[in-house]
PDB file of N, CA and C in Angstrom:
ATOM      1  N   MET A   1       0.180  22.783  -2.238  1.00  0.00           N
ATOM      2  CA  MET A   1       1.058  21.939  -1.430  1.00  0.00           C
ATOM      3  C   MET A   1       0.252  21.131  -0.408  1.00  0.00           C
ATOM      4  N   ILE A   2      -0.722  21.777   0.226  1.00  0.00           N
ATOM      5  CA  ILE A   2      -1.542  21.079   1.215  1.00  0.00           C
ATOM      6  C   ILE A   2      -2.344  19.969   0.540  1.00  0.00           C
ATOM      7  N   GLU A   3      -2.830  20.226  -0.683  1.00  0.00           N
ATOM      8  CA  GLU A   3      -3.588  19.203  -1.393  1.00  0.00           C
ATOM      9  C   GLU A   3      -2.718  17.988  -1.687  1.00  0.00           C
ATOM     10  N   ILE A   4      -1.457  18.220  -2.038  1.00  0.00           N
ATOM     11  CA  ILE A   4      -0.544  17.112  -2.341  1.00  0.00           C
ATOM     12  C   ILE A   4      -0.329  16.263  -1.091  1.00  0.00           C
ATOM     13  N   ILE A   5      -0.080  16.921   0.049  1.00  0.00           N
ATOM     14  CA  ILE A   5       0.154  16.187   1.292  1.00  0.00           C
ATOM     15  C   ILE A   5      -1.095  15.405   1.692  1.00  0.00           C
ATOM     16  N   ALA A   6      -2.271  16.038   1.566  1.00  0.00           N
ATOM     17  CA  ALA A   6      -3.519  15.351   1.911  1.00  0.00           C
ATOM     18  C   ALA A   6      -3.733  14.141   1.008  1.00  0.00           C
ATOM     19  N   ASN A   7      -3.435  14.295  -0.277  1.00  0.00           N
ATOM     20  CA  ASN A   7      -3.589  13.190  -1.220  1.00  0.00           C
ATOM     21  C   ASN A   7      -2.651  12.039  -0.867  1.00  0.00           C
ATOM     22  N   VAL A   8      -1.411  12.356  -0.512  1.00  0.00           N
ATOM     23  CA  VAL A   8      -0.452  11.313  -0.140  1.00  0.00           C
ATOM     24  C   VAL A   8      -0.913  10.591   1.122  1.00  0.00           C
ATOM     25  N   ILE A   9      -1.417  11.346   2.107  1.00  0.00           N
ATOM     26  CA  ILE A   9      -1.889  10.725   3.347  1.00  0.00           C
ATOM     27  C   ILE A   9      -3.063   9.791   3.061  1.00  0.00           C
ATOM     28  N   ILE A  10      -3.994  10.230   2.215  1.00  0.00           N
ATOM     29  CA  ILE A  10      -5.140   9.385   1.859  1.00  0.00           C
ATOM     30  C   ILE A  10      -4.666   8.120   1.146  1.00  0.00           C
ATOM     31  N   ASN A  11      -3.685   8.258   0.259  1.00  0.00           N
ATOM     32  CA  ASN A  11      -3.155   7.085  -0.446  1.00  0.00           C
ATOM     33  C   ASN A  11      -2.499   6.111   0.522  1.00  0.00           C
ATOM     34  N   ILE A  12      -1.731   6.627   1.479  1.00  0.00           N
ATOM     35  CA  ILE A  12      -1.063   5.754   2.447  1.00  0.00           C
ATOM     36  C   ILE A  12      -2.094   5.030   3.302  1.00  0.00           C
ATOM     37  N   ILE A  13      -3.156   5.739   3.726  1.00  0.00           N
ATOM     38  CA  ILE A  13      -4.216   5.093   4.505  1.00  0.00           C
ATOM     39  C   ILE A  13      -4.867   3.981   3.687  1.00  0.00           C
ATOM     40  N   GLY A  14      -5.106   4.242   2.403  1.00  0.00           N
ATOM     41  CA  GLY A  14      -5.687   3.217   1.540  1.00  0.00           C
ATOM     42  C   GLY A  14      -4.800   1.991   1.424  1.00  0.00           C
ATOM     43  N   VAL A  15      -3.498   2.206   1.294  1.00  0.00           N
ATOM     44  CA  VAL A  15      -2.571   1.072   1.196  1.00  0.00           C
ATOM     45  C   VAL A  15      -2.543   0.292   2.507  1.00  0.00           C
ATOM     46  N   LEU A  16      -2.550   1.006   3.638  1.00  0.00           N
ATOM     47  CA  LEU A  16      -2.556   0.307   4.926  1.00  0.00           C
ATOM     48  C   LEU A  16      -3.828  -0.520   5.096  1.00  0.00           C
ATOM     49  N   LEU A  17      -4.969   0.021   4.656  1.00  0.00           N
ATOM     50  CA  LEU A  17      -6.213  -0.751   4.714  1.00  0.00           C
ATOM     51  C   LEU A  17      -6.122  -1.989   3.826  1.00  0.00           C
ATOM     52  N   THR A  18      -5.495  -1.839   2.659  1.00  0.00           N
ATOM     53  CA  THR A  18      -5.307  -2.989   1.772  1.00  0.00           C
ATOM     54  C   THR A  18      -4.464  -4.054   2.452  1.00  0.00           C
ATOM     55  N   PHE A  19      -3.381  -3.632   3.140  1.00  0.00           N
ATOM     56  CA  PHE A  19      -2.556  -4.585   3.879  1.00  0.00           C
ATOM     57  C   PHE A  19      -3.371  -5.300   4.949  1.00  0.00           C
ATOM     58  N   ILE A  20      -4.205  -4.550   5.685  1.00  0.00           N
ATOM     59  CA  ILE A  20      -5.011  -5.157   6.750  1.00  0.00           C
ATOM     60  C   ILE A  20      -5.961  -6.202   6.169  1.00  0.00           C
ATOM     61  N   PHE A  21      -6.628  -5.851   5.047  1.00  0.00           N
ATOM     62  CA  PHE A  21      -7.554  -6.804   4.438  1.00  0.00           C
ATOM     63  C   PHE A  21      -6.813  -8.023   3.904  1.00  0.00           C
ATOM     64  N   ASP A  22      -5.626  -7.818   3.324  1.00  0.00           N
ATOM     65  CA  ASP A  22      -4.865  -8.951   2.804  1.00  0.00           C
ATOM     66  C   ASP A  22      -4.395  -9.857   3.932  1.00  0.00           C
ATOM     67  N   ILE A  23      -3.977  -9.281   5.060  1.00  0.00           N
ATOM     68  CA  ILE A  23      -3.551 -10.098   6.194  1.00  0.00           C
ATOM     69  C   ILE A  23      -4.741 -10.877   6.752  1.00  0.00           C
ATOM     70  N   THR A  24      -5.912 -10.227   6.802  1.00  0.00           N
ATOM     71  CA  THR A  24      -7.123 -10.927   7.248  1.00  0.00           C
ATOM     72  C   THR A  24      -7.438 -12.089   6.316  1.00  0.00           C
ATOM     73  N   ASP A  25      -7.318 -11.846   5.004  1.00  0.00           N
ATOM     74  CA  ASP A  25      -7.529 -12.935   4.039  1.00  0.00           C
ATOM     75  C   ASP A  25      -6.507 -14.049   4.246  1.00  0.00           C
ATOM     76  N   LEU A  26      -5.278 -13.681   4.554  1.00  0.00           N
ATOM     77  CA  LEU A  26      -4.232 -14.679   4.766  1.00  0.00           C
ATOM     78  C   LEU A  26      -4.579 -15.572   5.945  1.00  0.00           C
ATOM     79  N   VAL A  27      -5.141 -14.969   7.002  1.00  0.00           N
ATOM     80  CA  VAL A  27      -5.495 -15.754   8.182  1.00  0.00           C
ATOM     81  C   VAL A  27      -6.669 -16.678   7.878  1.00  0.00           C
ATOM     82  N   PHE A  28      -7.669 -16.186   7.140  1.00  0.00           N
ATOM     83  CA  PHE A  28      -8.914 -16.932   6.956  1.00  0.00           C
ATOM     84  C   PHE A  28      -8.998 -17.653   5.618  1.00  0.00           C
ATOM     85  N   SER A  29      -7.890 -17.765   4.901  1.00  0.00           N
ATOM     86  CA  SER A  29      -7.956 -18.359   3.572  1.00  0.00           C
ATOM     87  C   SER A  29      -6.919 -19.461   3.416  1.00  0.00           C
ATOM     88  N   CYS A  30      -7.213 -20.396   2.532  1.00  0.00           N
ATOM     89  CA  CYS A  30      -6.264 -21.463   2.228  1.00  0.00           C
ATOM     90  C   CYS A  30      -5.563 -21.226   0.893  1.00  0.00           C
ATOM     91  N   LEU A  31      -5.966 -20.195   0.150  1.00  0.00           N
ATOM     92  CA  LEU A  31      -5.399 -19.940  -1.178  1.00  0.00           C
ATOM     93  C   LEU A  31      -4.132 -19.106  -1.036  1.00  0.00           C
ATOM     94  N   LYS A  32      -3.081 -19.744  -0.525  1.00  0.00           N
ATOM     95  CA  LYS A  32      -1.883 -18.983  -0.175  1.00  0.00           C
ATOM     96  C   LYS A  32      -1.137 -18.466  -1.401  1.00  0.00           C
ATOM     97  N   GLY A  33      -1.108 -19.231  -2.474  1.00  0.00           N
ATOM     98  CA  GLY A  33      -0.337 -18.810  -3.642  1.00  0.00           C
ATOM     99  C   GLY A  33      -0.837 -17.504  -4.229  1.00  0.00           C
ATOM    100  N   GLN A  34      -2.139 -17.445  -4.485  1.00  0.00           N
ATOM    101  CA  GLN A  34      -2.713 -16.232  -5.061  1.00  0.00           C
ATOM    102  C   GLN A  34      -2.600 -15.071  -4.079  1.00  0.00           C
ATOM    103  N   LEU A  35      -2.765 -15.351  -2.780  1.00  0.00           N
ATOM    104  CA  LEU A  35      -2.738 -14.300  -1.776  1.00  0.00           C
ATOM    105  C   LEU A  35      -1.342 -13.703  -1.643  1.00  0.00           C
ATOM    106  N   TRP A  36      -0.298 -14.538  -1.718  1.00  0.00           N
ATOM    107  CA  TRP A  36       1.058 -13.997  -1.633  1.00  0.00           C
ATOM    108  C   TRP A  36       1.325 -13.040  -2.785  1.00  0.00           C
ATOM    109  N   ARG A  37       0.766 -13.357  -3.959  1.00  0.00           N
ATOM    110  CA  ARG A  37       0.920 -12.431  -5.090  1.00  0.00           C
ATOM    111  C   ARG A  37       0.258 -11.105  -4.785  1.00  0.00           C
ATOM    112  N   ARG A  38      -0.951 -11.137  -4.200  1.00  0.00           N
ATOM    113  CA  ARG A  38      -1.652  -9.890  -3.878  1.00  0.00           C
ATOM    114  C   ARG A  38      -0.892  -9.097  -2.823  1.00  0.00           C
ATOM    115  N   LEU A  39      -0.323  -9.788  -1.827  1.00  0.00           N
ATOM    116  CA  LEU A  39       0.475  -9.096  -0.816  1.00  0.00           C
ATOM    117  C   LEU A  39       1.705  -8.454  -1.441  1.00  0.00           C
ATOM    118  N   LEU A  40       2.331  -9.166  -2.372  1.00  0.00           N
ATOM    119  CA  LEU A  40       3.513  -8.622  -3.032  1.00  0.00           C
ATOM    120  C   LEU A  40       3.155  -7.399  -3.858  1.00  0.00           C
ATOM    121  N   ILE A  41       2.026  -7.445  -4.571  1.00  0.00           N
ATOM    122  CA  ILE A  41       1.585  -6.291  -5.354  1.00  0.00           C
ATOM    123  C   ILE A  41       1.281  -5.118  -4.432  1.00  0.00           C
ATOM    124  N   SER A  42       0.627  -5.381  -3.291  1.00  0.00           N
ATOM    125  CA  SER A  42       0.337  -4.310  -2.341  1.00  0.00           C
ATOM    126  C   SER A  42       1.623  -3.687  -1.820  1.00  0.00           C
ATOM    127  N   LEU A  43       2.621  -4.521  -1.528  1.00  0.00           N
ATOM    128  CA  LEU A  43       3.901  -4.016  -1.045  1.00  0.00           C
ATOM    129  C   LEU A  43       4.581  -3.167  -2.111  1.00  0.00           C
ATOM    130  N   LEU A  44       4.538  -3.610  -3.365  1.00  0.00           N
ATOM    131  CA  LEU A  44       5.141  -2.836  -4.441  1.00  0.00           C
ATOM    132  C   LEU A  44       4.449  -1.491  -4.610  1.00  0.00           C
ATOM    133  N   VAL A  45       3.108  -1.475  -4.536  1.00  0.00           N
ATOM    134  CA  VAL A  45       2.369  -0.216  -4.646  1.00  0.00           C
ATOM    135  C   VAL A  45       2.762   0.717  -3.513  1.00  0.00           C
ATOM    136  N   PHE A  46       2.882   0.175  -2.293  1.00  0.00           N
ATOM    137  CA  PHE A  46       3.266   0.985  -1.139  1.00  0.00           C
ATOM    138  C   PHE A  46       4.659   1.579  -1.333  1.00  0.00           C
ATOM    139  N   LEU A  47       5.602   0.770  -1.817  1.00  0.00           N
ATOM    140  CA  LEU A  47       6.967   1.260  -2.015  1.00  0.00           C
ATOM    141  C   LEU A  47       7.025   2.315  -3.108  1.00  0.00           C
ATOM    142  N   VAL A  48       6.239   2.138  -4.170  1.00  0.00           N
ATOM    143  CA  VAL A  48       6.207   3.136  -5.244  1.00  0.00           C
ATOM    144  C   VAL A  48       5.659   4.455  -4.717  1.00  0.00           C
ATOM    145  N   MET A  49       4.585   4.389  -3.920  1.00  0.00           N
ATOM    146  CA  MET A  49       4.007   5.623  -3.382  1.00  0.00           C
ATOM    147  C   MET A  49       4.964   6.284  -2.403  1.00  0.00           C
ATOM    148  N   LEU A  50       5.659   5.487  -1.590  1.00  0.00           N
ATOM    149  CA  LEU A  50       6.630   6.039  -0.651  1.00  0.00           C
ATOM    150  C   LEU A  50       7.792   6.678  -1.404  1.00  0.00           C
ATOM    151  N   GLY A  51       8.241   6.032  -2.476  1.00  0.00           N
ATOM    152  CA  GLY A  51       9.303   6.609  -3.298  1.00  0.00           C
ATOM    153  C   GLY A  51       8.866   7.904  -3.959  1.00  0.00           C
ATOM    154  N   GLY A  52       7.619   7.952  -4.430  1.00  0.00           N
ATOM    155  CA  GLY A  52       7.099   9.184  -5.013  1.00  0.00           C
ATOM    156  C   GLY A  52       7.038  10.304  -3.997  1.00  0.00           C
ATOM    157  N   LEU A  53       6.662   9.969  -2.771  1.00  0.00           N
ATOM    158  CA  LEU A  53       6.611  10.972  -1.706  1.00  0.00           C
ATOM    159  C   LEU A  53       8.009  11.502  -1.407  1.00  0.00           C
ATOM    160  N   CYS A  54       8.985  10.621  -1.282  1.00  0.00           N
ATOM    161  CA  CYS A  54      10.363  11.054  -1.002  1.00  0.00           C
ATOM    162  C   CYS A  54      10.911  11.878  -2.162  1.00  0.00           C
ATOM    163  N   TRP A  55      10.602  11.478  -3.395  1.00  0.00           N
ATOM    164  CA  TRP A  55      11.090  12.218  -4.555  1.00  0.00           C
ATOM    165  C   TRP A  55      10.481  13.611  -4.591  1.00  0.00           C
ATOM    166  N   ARG A  56       9.185  13.700  -4.247  1.00  0.00           N
ATOM    167  CA  ARG A  56       8.500  14.984  -4.260  1.00  0.00           C
ATOM    168  C   ARG A  56       9.081  15.921  -3.206  1.00  0.00           C
ATOM    169  N   TRP A  57       9.368  15.376  -2.011  1.00  0.00           N
ATOM    170  CA  TRP A  57       9.934  16.207  -0.943  1.00  0.00           C
ATOM    171  C   TRP A  57      11.388  16.542  -1.219  1.00  0.00           C
ATOM    172  N   GLY A  58      12.087  15.677  -1.959  1.00  0.00           N
ATOM    173  CA  GLY A  58      13.497  15.921  -2.251  1.00  0.00           C
ATOM    174  C   GLY A  58      13.720  16.945  -3.342  1.00  0.00           C
ATOM    175  N   ARG A  59      12.681  17.216  -4.131  1.00  0.00           N
ATOM    176  CA  ARG A  59      12.819  18.151  -5.244  1.00  0.00           C
ATOM    177  C   ARG A  59      13.002  19.564  -4.757  1.00  0.00           C
TER     178      ARG A  59
END
């Protein structure tokens, strides 16, 4: 159980770092179309991981 929680925390930290890097790219980049796609993919990955966490705790 502790390993599962630690793994989820590490995954969430990784997703947050991805968001930070994508926002930094958004500020310093002119390629908005491709970047919005990457932000959307990052958001979808975050929501999937959050849903998996809620499903695991709800079981």
